Amino acid sequence: MKEKTDKATFVLQVFESIAKDYDRMNTLLSFYQHKRWRKFTMKKMAVKPGDTAIDVCCGTGDWAIALAEASHTGRVVGLDFSANMLQVAQAKLSEKGLEQRVELVEGNAMQLPFPDHSFDHATIGFALRNVPDLVQVLKEMKRVVKPGGQIVSLELSKPTWPPFRAVYFLYFERILPWLGKLFANRYEQYRWLPESLIHFPDYMELARIMREEVGLIDVEVYPLTGGITALHIGRKSADDR
C-alpha cells in the first residue's frame, strides 16, 4: 500500500511540474503522432450524438474535448488529480466555448466519484501506466460505465519486432530525457516516462488483464505505429447491472 501511495505522490509531482509544457512536449516526443492515434481511436469508438463519457486522467483535456465534439449534446467529464493540468484544460475549453459541455473534476482514478452505470464510454489516454494499480482503475472505469458501454485505453506499448524494439528503447531511455531537459528544463520528470513503461504489460498481456481480471468482453487490440502505442477497447457486459 505504501508503495502505491509513494508512486501516486511522485507521479502527481511530475505532472504538476510539467503541465505548462505538456502539450508541446507530447507533440515533440511523439513526432506529431499522438493526434493521429487519438483520431483513429475516436473512429473506432464511434461515439454517437448524445452519448455520455468520462475521460479518466484527462490531463490537459484534448480527449475530453474530442468526446464532447463527437457527442454534441451528451455529458462529458474530464477527471484528473493534477490541478495544474486541469487549469490548462480549462483554458482550452474556454477557447473552444465548451465550458458548459465538459465538466472538469479534480479526483482520484482509483476511486471515481460517480455512481455505477453513469456513462456510455470511459477512456484513459497515456496514463494507465502511471496509476498505482491499473486493474483497480480499469475496474472503476467498468463500474461507472453503463451495461454494454465501452472502456477504452490508448497507451504507450512495446514494439514486438526486436530491431525496432531496440531502437525504440534506446530513444526512450537515452534520448527522451535529454529532450525534456532541452525543451522543458525537466530531466528527472522525463526520465520517469521510460521507467514507467518498463514494468507495464505489453499489449497482449493488457488485453488478457482486461478480459480475465477486469471482466470485460469483446476486447479489441490495435497496435499502432509498429507497436509503440496500442489501443484497447473492451465492453461491459449487458448483463452486468
Protein backbone atom coordinates (compact mmCIF):
# COMPACT_ATOMS: atom_id res chain seq x y z
CA MET A 1 0.00 0.00 0.00
CA LYS A 2 2.84 2.40 0.87
CA GLU A 3 4.49 1.68 -2.50
CA LYS A 4 1.27 2.60 -4.31
CA THR A 5 0.92 5.79 -2.25
CA ASP A 6 4.54 6.75 -2.97
CA LYS A 7 4.03 6.20 -6.70
CA ALA A 8 0.86 8.30 -6.74
CA THR A 9 2.61 11.14 -4.90
CA PHE A 10 5.61 11.07 -7.20
CA VAL A 11 3.51 10.95 -10.39
CA LEU A 12 1.40 13.87 -9.15
CA GLN A 13 4.55 15.91 -8.59
CA VAL A 14 5.76 15.06 -12.09
CA PHE A 15 2.59 16.20 -13.82
CA GLU A 16 2.14 19.27 -11.66
CA SER A 17 5.62 20.37 -12.73
CA ILE A 18 5.30 19.69 -16.49
CA ALA A 19 1.70 20.86 -17.02
CA LYS A 20 2.53 24.08 -18.86
CA ASP A 21 4.88 22.26 -21.25
CA TYR A 22 2.88 19.02 -21.56
CA ASP A 23 1.15 19.64 -24.89
CA ARG A 24 4.24 20.97 -26.65
CA MET A 25 6.40 18.12 -25.36
CA ASN A 26 3.76 15.49 -26.16
CA THR A 27 3.73 16.65 -29.77
CA LEU A 28 7.52 16.75 -29.97
CA LEU A 29 8.22 13.42 -28.27
CA SER A 30 5.57 11.52 -30.23
CA PHE A 31 6.74 13.04 -33.53
CA TYR A 32 3.26 14.51 -34.04
CA GLN A 33 1.67 11.05 -33.91
CA HIS A 34 -0.50 11.42 -30.79
CA LYS A 35 -3.20 13.35 -32.65
CA ARG A 36 -3.35 10.68 -35.34
CA TRP A 37 -3.61 7.96 -32.69
CA ARG A 38 -6.50 9.77 -30.98
CA LYS A 39 -8.27 10.33 -34.30
CA PHE A 40 -8.02 6.58 -35.04
CA THR A 41 -9.37 5.82 -31.55
CA MET A 42 -12.36 8.13 -31.96
CA LYS A 43 -13.18 6.45 -35.27
CA LYS A 44 -13.12 3.02 -33.64
CA MET A 45 -15.21 4.20 -30.68
CA ALA A 46 -17.97 5.53 -32.95
CA VAL A 47 -19.35 7.93 -30.33
CA LYS A 48 -22.95 8.85 -31.11
CA PRO A 49 -24.70 12.20 -30.56
CA GLY A 50 -26.00 12.35 -27.00
CA ASP A 51 -23.54 9.76 -25.64
CA THR A 52 -22.05 10.42 -22.21
CA ALA A 53 -18.37 9.91 -21.41
CA ILE A 54 -15.72 10.24 -18.75
CA ASP A 55 -12.07 10.74 -19.63
CA VAL A 56 -10.04 9.45 -16.69
CA CYS A 57 -6.66 11.12 -16.11
CA CYS A 58 -7.76 13.69 -18.67
CA GLY A 59 -4.63 15.83 -18.37
CA THR A 60 -4.89 18.96 -20.50
CA GLY A 61 -8.25 17.91 -21.89
CA ASP A 62 -7.68 17.00 -25.55
CA TRP A 63 -9.57 13.71 -25.41
CA ALA A 64 -12.41 15.14 -23.33
CA ILE A 65 -12.78 17.87 -25.96
CA ALA A 66 -12.85 15.30 -28.77
CA LEU A 67 -15.53 13.33 -26.92
CA ALA A 68 -17.63 16.45 -26.38
CA GLU A 69 -17.37 17.41 -30.06
CA ALA A 70 -18.42 13.89 -31.10
CA SER A 71 -21.32 13.56 -28.67
CA HIS A 72 -22.64 17.10 -29.42
CA THR A 73 -25.07 17.20 -26.50
CA GLY A 74 -24.00 14.36 -24.19
CA ARG A 75 -22.48 14.90 -20.76
CA VAL A 76 -18.67 14.69 -20.75
CA VAL A 77 -16.47 14.66 -17.64
CA GLY A 78 -12.71 15.04 -17.52
CA LEU A 79 -11.10 13.82 -14.28
CA ASP A 80 -7.51 14.31 -13.20
CA PHE A 81 -5.59 14.53 -9.93
CA SER A 82 -3.37 17.41 -11.12
CA ALA A 83 -4.81 20.87 -10.57
CA ASN A 84 -2.19 22.37 -12.90
CA MET A 85 -3.15 20.04 -15.76
CA LEU A 86 -6.83 20.84 -15.22
CA GLN A 87 -6.04 24.54 -15.32
CA VAL A 88 -4.58 24.10 -18.82
CA ALA A 89 -7.63 22.03 -19.80
CA GLN A 90 -9.99 24.74 -18.55
CA ALA A 91 -8.26 27.33 -20.71
CA LYS A 92 -8.74 25.11 -23.77
CA LEU A 93 -12.42 24.64 -23.00
CA SER A 94 -12.85 28.40 -22.73
CA GLU A 95 -11.14 28.94 -26.08
CA LYS A 96 -13.49 26.44 -27.75
CA GLY A 97 -16.62 27.59 -25.95
CA LEU A 98 -17.08 24.18 -24.32
CA GLU A 99 -17.13 25.22 -20.65
CA GLN A 100 -20.80 24.22 -20.34
CA ARG A 101 -20.29 20.91 -22.15
CA VAL A 102 -17.31 19.46 -20.29
CA GLU A 103 -17.14 19.20 -16.52
CA LEU A 104 -13.61 19.07 -15.10
CA VAL A 105 -13.19 17.25 -11.80
CA GLU A 106 -10.09 17.02 -9.62
CA GLY A 107 -10.22 13.44 -8.39
CA ASN A 108 -8.67 10.02 -7.95
CA ALA A 109 -8.78 7.47 -10.79
CA MET A 110 -8.63 4.69 -8.20
CA GLN A 111 -11.94 5.85 -6.67
CA LEU A 112 -14.06 7.60 -9.27
CA PRO A 113 -16.59 9.90 -7.57
CA PHE A 114 -19.54 8.80 -9.71
CA PRO A 115 -22.37 6.27 -9.28
CA ASP A 116 -22.47 2.92 -11.05
CA HIS A 117 -23.66 2.91 -14.68
CA SER A 118 -23.21 6.67 -15.25
CA PHE A 119 -21.56 6.86 -18.69
CA ASP A 120 -21.66 5.28 -22.14
CA HIS A 121 -17.87 5.49 -22.50
CA ALA A 122 -14.87 5.63 -20.18
CA THR A 123 -11.47 6.49 -21.64
CA ILE A 124 -7.91 6.80 -20.37
CA GLY A 125 -5.10 8.10 -22.55
CA PHE A 126 -1.36 7.70 -21.90
CA ALA A 127 -1.95 7.40 -18.17
CA LEU A 128 -2.71 3.78 -17.31
CA ARG A 129 0.99 3.01 -16.84
CA ASN A 130 1.21 5.84 -14.30
CA VAL A 131 -1.55 4.76 -11.92
CA PRO A 132 -0.78 2.84 -8.70
CA ASP A 133 -2.98 -0.13 -9.67
CA LEU A 134 -4.09 -0.46 -13.30
CA VAL A 135 -6.57 -3.26 -12.54
CA GLN A 136 -8.30 -1.14 -9.91
CA VAL A 137 -8.55 1.81 -12.29
CA LEU A 138 -9.98 -0.35 -15.08
CA LYS A 139 -12.47 -1.86 -12.64
CA GLU A 140 -13.55 1.63 -11.59
CA MET A 141 -13.96 2.61 -15.24
CA LYS A 142 -16.04 -0.51 -15.77
CA ARG A 143 -18.15 0.27 -12.69
CA VAL A 144 -19.16 3.76 -13.85
CA VAL A 145 -19.94 2.64 -17.42
CA LYS A 146 -23.45 1.55 -18.32
CA PRO A 147 -24.10 -2.11 -19.23
CA GLY A 148 -22.93 -2.53 -22.83
CA GLY A 149 -20.71 0.56 -22.58
CA GLN A 150 -17.08 0.93 -23.69
CA ILE A 151 -13.86 1.05 -21.66
CA VAL A 152 -11.02 2.42 -23.79
CA SER A 153 -7.28 2.70 -23.19
CA LEU A 154 -4.83 4.41 -25.54
CA GLU A 155 -1.36 3.85 -24.15
CA LEU A 156 2.31 3.51 -24.97
CA SER A 157 3.35 -0.07 -25.55
CA LYS A 158 6.36 -2.15 -26.57
CA PRO A 159 7.24 -2.98 -30.19
CA THR A 160 7.37 -6.70 -30.92
CA TRP A 161 9.93 -6.64 -33.78
CA PRO A 162 13.33 -6.95 -31.99
CA PRO A 163 15.36 -4.43 -34.09
CA PHE A 164 12.64 -1.76 -33.81
CA ARG A 165 12.19 -2.56 -30.13
CA ALA A 166 15.92 -1.95 -29.53
CA VAL A 167 15.85 1.42 -31.31
CA TYR A 168 12.65 2.39 -29.51
CA PHE A 169 14.06 1.76 -26.05
CA LEU A 170 17.32 3.49 -26.97
CA TYR A 171 15.32 6.60 -27.86
CA PHE A 172 13.05 6.31 -24.85
CA GLU A 173 15.72 5.65 -22.24
CA ARG A 174 18.65 7.72 -23.52
CA ILE A 175 17.37 10.49 -25.77
CA LEU A 176 13.89 11.39 -24.50
CA PRO A 177 15.00 12.61 -21.03
CA TRP A 178 17.54 14.94 -22.63
CA LEU A 179 14.86 16.34 -24.94
CA GLY A 180 12.84 17.03 -21.80
CA LYS A 181 15.84 18.84 -20.35
CA LEU A 182 16.45 20.82 -23.55
CA PHE A 183 12.90 21.91 -24.34
CA ALA A 184 11.20 21.96 -20.92
CA ASN A 185 14.11 22.16 -18.47
CA ARG A 186 12.88 18.91 -16.89
CA TYR A 187 15.22 15.93 -16.92
CA GLU A 188 14.11 13.79 -13.97
CA GLN A 189 10.44 14.16 -14.88
CA TYR A 190 11.01 12.94 -18.44
CA ARG A 191 13.30 10.17 -17.26
CA TRP A 192 10.22 8.84 -15.44
CA LEU A 193 8.40 8.24 -18.73
CA PRO A 194 10.62 5.37 -19.95
CA GLU A 195 10.85 3.99 -16.42
CA SER A 196 7.04 3.88 -16.23
CA LEU A 197 6.93 1.67 -19.32
CA ILE A 198 9.50 -0.94 -18.26
CA HIS A 199 7.15 -2.84 -15.94
CA PHE A 200 3.96 -2.04 -17.83
CA PRO A 201 2.39 -5.04 -19.61
CA ASP A 202 2.70 -5.32 -23.38
CA TYR A 203 -0.46 -5.01 -25.43
CA MET A 204 -1.29 -8.72 -25.45
CA GLU A 205 -0.89 -9.01 -21.68
CA LEU A 206 -3.00 -5.88 -21.13
CA ALA A 207 -5.74 -7.41 -23.29
CA ARG A 208 -5.63 -10.53 -21.11
CA ILE A 209 -5.89 -8.43 -17.96
CA MET A 210 -8.89 -6.59 -19.34
CA ARG A 211 -10.64 -9.85 -20.13
CA GLU A 212 -9.67 -12.08 -17.22
CA GLU A 213 -9.02 -9.72 -14.29
CA VAL A 214 -11.37 -6.83 -15.08
CA GLY A 215 -14.11 -8.91 -16.69
CA LEU A 216 -14.58 -7.02 -19.94
CA ILE A 217 -15.96 -8.67 -23.05
CA ASP A 218 -15.26 -8.19 -26.78
CA VAL A 219 -11.78 -6.83 -26.07
CA GLU A 220 -10.18 -5.47 -29.24
CA VAL A 221 -6.49 -4.59 -29.56
CA TYR A 222 -4.90 -2.33 -32.17
CA PRO A 223 -1.09 -1.96 -32.08
CA LEU A 224 -0.21 1.38 -33.69
CA THR A 225 2.97 2.67 -35.34
CA GLY A 226 4.88 -0.58 -35.05
CA GLY A 227 3.52 -1.29 -31.58
CA ILE A 228 4.88 1.79 -29.81
CA THR A 229 1.29 2.61 -28.89
CA ALA A 230 -1.73 0.34 -28.50
CA LEU A 231 -5.45 0.93 -28.43
CA HIS A 232 -7.58 -1.40 -26.29
CA ILE A 233 -11.39 -1.33 -26.41
CA GLY A 234 -13.48 -3.56 -24.18
CA ARG A 235 -17.14 -3.66 -23.22
CA LYS A 236 -19.08 -4.07 -20.03
CA SER A 237 -21.49 -6.98 -20.40
CA ALA A 238 -25.12 -6.00 -20.92
CA ASP A 239 -25.93 -8.42 -18.06
CA ASP A 240 -23.60 -6.57 -15.65
CA ARG A 241 -26.11 -4.50 -13.69
